[in-house]
Amino acid sequence: MTAITLRIPDTMDKPLRDAAAAAPSLNDYILRAVRRQMTLDAARVLAALEPLDLDGEGDAL
């Protein structure tokens, strides 16, 4: 596990807390957002690679 520290500008505090209102905690909301962004970034990197031969793989990936 890697620890990260986020500094949230004061101007983003209230909108972020409002967006996270339904989440168990602000920390949980931010963690999920970071994970989602990391997944999207990884998908972009994979999409930029040479085409892979996935014939016959179907939904197994």
PDB file of N, CA and C in Angstrom:
ATOM      1  N   MET A   1       0.848  -1.169   0.000  1.00  0.00           N
ATOM      2  CA  MET A   1       0.000   0.000   0.000  1.00  0.00           C
ATOM      3  C   MET A   1       0.895   1.234   0.000  1.00  0.00           C
ATOM      4  N   THR A   2       0.477   2.237  -0.713  1.00  0.00           N
ATOM      5  CA  THR A   2       1.195   3.500  -0.765  1.00  0.00           C
ATOM      6  C   THR A   2       0.358   4.575  -0.107  1.00  0.00           C
ATOM      7  N   ALA A   3       0.975   5.333   0.763  1.00  0.00           N
ATOM      8  CA  ALA A   3       0.267   6.436   1.411  1.00  0.00           C
ATOM      9  C   ALA A   3       0.400   7.686   0.560  1.00  0.00           C
ATOM     10  N   ILE A   4      -0.687   8.428   0.454  1.00  0.00           N
ATOM     11  CA  ILE A   4      -0.653   9.706  -0.248  1.00  0.00           C
ATOM     12  C   ILE A   4      -1.264  10.771   0.653  1.00  0.00           C
ATOM     13  N   THR A   5      -0.836  11.972   0.436  1.00  0.00           N
ATOM     14  CA  THR A   5      -1.398  13.107   1.161  1.00  0.00           C
ATOM     15  C   THR A   5      -1.994  14.054   0.137  1.00  0.00           C
ATOM     16  N   LEU A   6      -3.243  14.400   0.335  1.00  0.00           N
ATOM     17  CA  LEU A   6      -3.914  15.344  -0.560  1.00  0.00           C
ATOM     18  C   LEU A   6      -4.141  16.648   0.174  1.00  0.00           C
ATOM     19  N   ARG A   7      -3.843  17.711  -0.484  1.00  0.00           N
ATOM     20  CA  ARG A   7      -4.159  19.026   0.060  1.00  0.00           C
ATOM     21  C   ARG A   7      -5.336  19.563  -0.745  1.00  0.00           C
ATOM     22  N   ILE A   8      -6.416  19.801  -0.061  1.00  0.00           N
ATOM     23  CA  ILE A   8      -7.634  20.257  -0.715  1.00  0.00           C
ATOM     24  C   ILE A   8      -7.762  21.756  -0.497  1.00  0.00           C
ATOM     25  N   PRO A   9      -7.813  22.515  -1.585  1.00  0.00           N
ATOM     26  CA  PRO A   9      -7.970  23.964  -1.445  1.00  0.00           C
ATOM     27  C   PRO A   9      -9.265  24.306  -0.707  1.00  0.00           C
ATOM     28  N   ASP A  10      -9.239  25.368   0.057  1.00  0.00           N
ATOM     29  CA  ASP A  10     -10.417  25.789   0.815  1.00  0.00           C
ATOM     30  C   ASP A  10     -11.640  25.950  -0.077  1.00  0.00           C
ATOM     31  N   THR A  11     -11.424  26.410  -1.301  1.00  0.00           N
ATOM     32  CA  THR A  11     -12.552  26.639  -2.217  1.00  0.00           C
ATOM     33  C   THR A  11     -13.228  25.337  -2.639  1.00  0.00           C
ATOM     34  N   MET A  12     -12.526  24.207  -2.513  1.00  0.00           N
ATOM     35  CA  MET A  12     -13.106  22.924  -2.891  1.00  0.00           C
ATOM     36  C   MET A  12     -13.695  22.168  -1.699  1.00  0.00           C
ATOM     37  N   ASP A  13     -13.468  22.651  -0.504  1.00  0.00           N
ATOM     38  CA  ASP A  13     -13.889  21.917   0.688  1.00  0.00           C
ATOM     39  C   ASP A  13     -15.395  21.667   0.720  1.00  0.00           C
ATOM     40  N   LYS A  14     -16.191  22.700   0.643  1.00  0.00           N
ATOM     41  CA  LYS A  14     -17.642  22.533   0.738  1.00  0.00           C
ATOM     42  C   LYS A  14     -18.202  21.712  -0.431  1.00  0.00           C
ATOM     43  N   PRO A  15     -17.844  22.018  -1.691  1.00  0.00           N
ATOM     44  CA  PRO A  15     -18.375  21.187  -2.776  1.00  0.00           C
ATOM     45  C   PRO A  15     -17.980  19.716  -2.654  1.00  0.00           C
ATOM     46  N   LEU A  16     -16.759  19.458  -2.181  1.00  0.00           N
ATOM     47  CA  LEU A  16     -16.313  18.081  -2.015  1.00  0.00           C
ATOM     48  C   LEU A  16     -17.100  17.394  -0.901  1.00  0.00           C
ATOM     49  N   ARG A  17     -17.294  18.088   0.196  1.00  0.00           N
ATOM     50  CA  ARG A  17     -18.080  17.506   1.303  1.00  0.00           C
ATOM     51  C   ARG A  17     -19.532  17.278   0.880  1.00  0.00           C
ATOM     52  N   ASP A  18     -20.085  18.193   0.093  1.00  0.00           N
ATOM     53  CA  ASP A  18     -21.456  18.012  -0.409  1.00  0.00           C
ATOM     54  C   ASP A  18     -21.544  16.785  -1.314  1.00  0.00           C
ATOM     55  N   ALA A  19     -20.552  16.630  -2.191  1.00  0.00           N
ATOM     56  CA  ALA A  19     -20.545  15.488  -3.113  1.00  0.00           C
ATOM     57  C   ALA A  19     -20.396  14.173  -2.354  1.00  0.00           C
ATOM     58  N   ALA A  20     -19.685  14.201  -1.235  1.00  0.00           N
ATOM     59  CA  ALA A  20     -19.429  12.990  -0.458  1.00  0.00           C
ATOM     60  C   ALA A  20     -20.486  12.726   0.604  1.00  0.00           C
ATOM     61  N   ALA A  21     -21.557  13.494   0.608  1.00  0.00           N
ATOM     62  CA  ALA A  21     -22.567  13.386   1.674  1.00  0.00           C
ATOM     63  C   ALA A  21     -23.122  11.976   1.819  1.00  0.00           C
ATOM     64  N   ALA A  22     -23.289  11.253   0.731  1.00  0.00           N
ATOM     65  CA  ALA A  22     -23.865   9.908   0.791  1.00  0.00           C
ATOM     66  C   ALA A  22     -22.821   8.831   1.087  1.00  0.00           C
ATOM     67  N   ALA A  23     -21.556   9.193   1.041  1.00  0.00           N
ATOM     68  CA  ALA A  23     -20.487   8.221   1.303  1.00  0.00           C
ATOM     69  C   ALA A  23     -20.334   8.008   2.810  1.00  0.00           C
ATOM     70  N   PRO A  24     -19.773   6.865   3.200  1.00  0.00           N
ATOM     71  CA  PRO A  24     -19.559   6.623   4.631  1.00  0.00           C
ATOM     72  C   PRO A  24     -18.673   7.682   5.287  1.00  0.00           C
ATOM     73  N   SER A  25     -17.722   8.215   4.517  1.00  0.00           N
ATOM     74  CA  SER A  25     -16.852   9.264   5.038  1.00  0.00           C
ATOM     75  C   SER A  25     -16.235  10.021   3.872  1.00  0.00           C
ATOM     76  N   LEU A  26     -15.724  11.195   4.153  1.00  0.00           N
ATOM     77  CA  LEU A  26     -15.045  11.979   3.114  1.00  0.00           C
ATOM     78  C   LEU A  26     -13.823  11.222   2.622  1.00  0.00           C
ATOM     79  N   ASN A  27     -13.097  10.603   3.537  1.00  0.00           N
ATOM     80  CA  ASN A  27     -11.917   9.828   3.169  1.00  0.00           C
ATOM     81  C   ASN A  27     -12.286   8.693   2.214  1.00  0.00           C
ATOM     82  N   ASP A  28     -13.368   7.983   2.498  1.00  0.00           N
ATOM     83  CA  ASP A  28     -13.826   6.897   1.634  1.00  0.00           C
ATOM     84  C   ASP A  28     -14.177   7.417   0.247  1.00  0.00           C
ATOM     85  N   TYR A  29     -14.860   8.545   0.189  1.00  0.00           N
ATOM     86  CA  TYR A  29     -15.246   9.140  -1.096  1.00  0.00           C
ATOM     87  C   TYR A  29     -14.001   9.483  -1.921  1.00  0.00           C
ATOM     88  N   ILE A  30     -13.028  10.105  -1.285  1.00  0.00           N
ATOM     89  CA  ILE A  30     -11.803  10.496  -1.992  1.00  0.00           C
ATOM     90  C   ILE A  30     -11.033   9.255  -2.438  1.00  0.00           C
ATOM     91  N   LEU A  31     -10.942   8.257  -1.577  1.00  0.00           N
ATOM     92  CA  LEU A  31     -10.242   7.027  -1.928  1.00  0.00           C
ATOM     93  C   LEU A  31     -10.876   6.364  -3.142  1.00  0.00           C
ATOM     94  N   ARG A  32     -12.191   6.303  -3.169  1.00  0.00           N
ATOM     95  CA  ARG A  32     -12.876   5.704  -4.327  1.00  0.00           C
ATOM     96  C   ARG A  32     -12.629   6.514  -5.598  1.00  0.00           C
ATOM     97  N   ALA A  33     -12.624   7.825  -5.480  1.00  0.00           N
ATOM     98  CA  ALA A  33     -12.369   8.677  -6.643  1.00  0.00           C
ATOM     99  C   ALA A  33     -10.947   8.482  -7.164  1.00  0.00           C
ATOM    100  N   VAL A  34      -9.996   8.380  -6.260  1.00  0.00           N
ATOM    101  CA  VAL A  34      -8.601   8.163  -6.666  1.00  0.00           C
ATOM    102  C   VAL A  34      -8.449   6.805  -7.333  1.00  0.00           C
ATOM    103  N   ARG A  35      -9.046   5.779  -6.758  1.00  0.00           N
ATOM    104  CA  ARG A  35      -8.976   4.443  -7.369  1.00  0.00           C
ATOM    105  C   ARG A  35      -9.602   4.428  -8.749  1.00  0.00           C
ATOM    106  N   ARG A  36     -10.742   5.090  -8.884  1.00  0.00           N
ATOM    107  CA  ARG A  36     -11.419   5.153 -10.183  1.00  0.00           C
ATOM    108  C   ARG A  36     -10.527   5.847 -11.214  1.00  0.00           C
ATOM    109  N   GLN A  37      -9.890   6.947 -10.812  1.00  0.00           N
ATOM    110  CA  GLN A  37      -9.010   7.669 -11.739  1.00  0.00           C
ATOM    111  C   GLN A  37      -7.785   6.836 -12.095  1.00  0.00           C
ATOM    112  N   MET A  38      -7.235   6.104 -11.134  1.00  0.00           N
ATOM    113  CA  MET A  38      -6.086   5.245 -11.414  1.00  0.00           C
ATOM    114  C   MET A  38      -6.466   4.143 -12.403  1.00  0.00           C
ATOM    115  N   THR A  39      -7.671   3.602 -12.271  1.00  0.00           N
ATOM    116  CA  THR A  39      -8.142   2.567 -13.193  1.00  0.00           C
ATOM    117  C   THR A  39      -8.293   3.137 -14.596  1.00  0.00           C
ATOM    118  N   LEU A  40      -8.860   4.334 -14.701  1.00  0.00           N
ATOM    119  CA  LEU A  40      -9.005   4.963 -16.014  1.00  0.00           C
ATOM    120  C   LEU A  40      -7.646   5.275 -16.633  1.00  0.00           C
ATOM    121  N   ASP A  41      -6.703   5.750 -15.831  1.00  0.00           N
ATOM    122  CA  ASP A  41      -5.358   6.036 -16.342  1.00  0.00           C
ATOM    123  C   ASP A  41      -4.689   4.764 -16.844  1.00  0.00           C
ATOM    124  N   ALA A  42      -4.829   3.663 -16.095  1.00  0.00           N
ATOM    125  CA  ALA A  42      -4.240   2.389 -16.513  1.00  0.00           C
ATOM    126  C   ALA A  42      -4.892   1.902 -17.811  1.00  0.00           C
ATOM    127  N   ALA A  43      -6.193   2.085 -17.947  1.00  0.00           N
ATOM    128  CA  ALA A  43      -6.891   1.680 -19.173  1.00  0.00           C
ATOM    129  C   ALA A  43      -6.396   2.474 -20.367  1.00  0.00           C
ATOM    130  N   ARG A  44      -6.135   3.761 -20.178  1.00  0.00           N
ATOM    131  CA  ARG A  44      -5.607   4.575 -21.276  1.00  0.00           C
ATOM    132  C   ARG A  44      -4.221   4.097 -21.698  1.00  0.00           C
ATOM    133  N   VAL A  45      -3.398   3.731 -20.732  1.00  0.00           N
ATOM    134  CA  VAL A  45      -2.058   3.219 -21.042  1.00  0.00           C
ATOM    135  C   VAL A  45      -2.177   1.907 -21.821  1.00  0.00           C
ATOM    136  N   LEU A  46      -3.045   1.007 -21.364  1.00  0.00           N
ATOM    137  CA  LEU A  46      -3.224  -0.259 -22.068  1.00  0.00           C
ATOM    138  C   LEU A  46      -3.773  -0.050 -23.469  1.00  0.00           C
ATOM    139  N   ALA A  47      -4.682   0.886 -23.628  1.00  0.00           N
ATOM    140  CA  ALA A  47      -5.280   1.144 -24.942  1.00  0.00           C
ATOM    141  C   ALA A  47      -4.251   1.691 -25.922  1.00  0.00           C
ATOM    142  N   ALA A  48      -3.214   2.341 -25.404  1.00  0.00           N
ATOM    143  CA  ALA A  48      -2.195   2.922 -26.271  1.00  0.00           C
ATOM    144  C   ALA A  48      -1.151   1.893 -26.703  1.00  0.00           C
ATOM    145  N   LEU A  49      -1.142   0.713 -26.098  1.00  0.00           N
ATOM    146  CA  LEU A  49      -0.181  -0.325 -26.456  1.00  0.00           C
ATOM    147  C   LEU A  49      -0.541  -0.936 -27.803  1.00  0.00           C
ATOM    148  N   GLU A  50       0.405  -1.702 -28.320  1.00  0.00           N
ATOM    149  CA  GLU A  50       0.139  -2.405 -29.573  1.00  0.00           C
ATOM    150  C   GLU A  50      -1.101  -3.276 -29.411  1.00  0.00           C
ATOM    151  N   PRO A  51      -1.822  -3.474 -30.496  1.00  0.00           N
ATOM    152  CA  PRO A  51      -2.987  -4.358 -30.400  1.00  0.00           C
ATOM    153  C   PRO A  51      -2.559  -5.743 -29.895  1.00  0.00           C
ATOM    154  N   LEU A  52      -3.336  -6.290 -29.010  1.00  0.00           N
ATOM    155  CA  LEU A  52      -3.061  -7.611 -28.467  1.00  0.00           C
ATOM    156  C   LEU A  52      -3.891  -8.654 -29.197  1.00  0.00           C
ATOM    157  N   ASP A  53      -3.329  -9.851 -29.344  1.00  0.00           N
ATOM    158  CA  ASP A  53      -4.058 -10.937 -29.986  1.00  0.00           C
ATOM    159  C   ASP A  53      -4.938 -11.593 -28.916  1.00  0.00           C
ATOM    160  N   LEU A  54      -6.197 -11.216 -28.893  1.00  0.00           N
ATOM    161  CA  LEU A  54      -7.117 -11.728 -27.880  1.00  0.00           C
ATOM    162  C   LEU A  54      -8.170 -12.669 -28.468  1.00  0.00           C
ATOM    163  N   ASP A  55      -7.896 -13.190 -29.649  1.00  0.00           N
ATOM    164  CA  ASP A  55      -8.860 -14.118 -30.271  1.00  0.00           C
ATOM    165  C   ASP A  55      -9.126 -15.289 -29.347  1.00  0.00           C
ATOM    166  N   GLY A  56     -10.390 -15.600 -29.153  1.00  0.00           N
ATOM    167  CA  GLY A  56     -10.769 -16.721 -28.324  1.00  0.00           C
ATOM    168  C   GLY A  56     -10.833 -16.432 -26.847  1.00  0.00           C
ATOM    169  N   GLU A  57     -10.500 -15.220 -26.436  1.00  0.00           N
ATOM    170  CA  GLU A  57     -10.506 -14.877 -25.012  1.00  0.00           C
ATOM    171  C   GLU A  57     -11.909 -14.603 -24.492  1.00  0.00           C
ATOM    172  N   GLY A  58     -12.775 -14.107 -25.351  1.00  0.00           N
ATOM    173  CA  GLY A  58     -14.141 -13.831 -24.944  1.00  0.00           C
ATOM    174  C   GLY A  58     -14.199 -12.921 -23.733  1.00  0.00           C
ATOM    175  N   ASP A  59     -14.992 -13.290 -22.755  1.00  0.00           N
ATOM    176  CA  ASP A  59     -15.133 -12.491 -21.535  1.00  0.00           C
ATOM    177  C   ASP A  59     -14.206 -12.963 -20.430  1.00  0.00           C
ATOM    178  N   ALA A  60     -13.210 -13.757 -20.752  1.00  0.00           N
ATOM    179  CA  ALA A  60     -12.333 -14.327 -19.731  1.00  0.00           C
ATOM    180  C   ALA A  60     -11.372 -13.307 -19.133  1.00  0.00           C
ATOM    181  N   LEU A  61     -11.222 -12.172 -19.787  1.00  0.00           N
ATOM    182  CA  LEU A  61     -10.243 -11.202 -19.274  1.00  0.00           C
ATOM    183  C   LEU A  61     -10.801 -10.424 -18.125  1.00  0.00           C
TER     184      LEU A  61
END
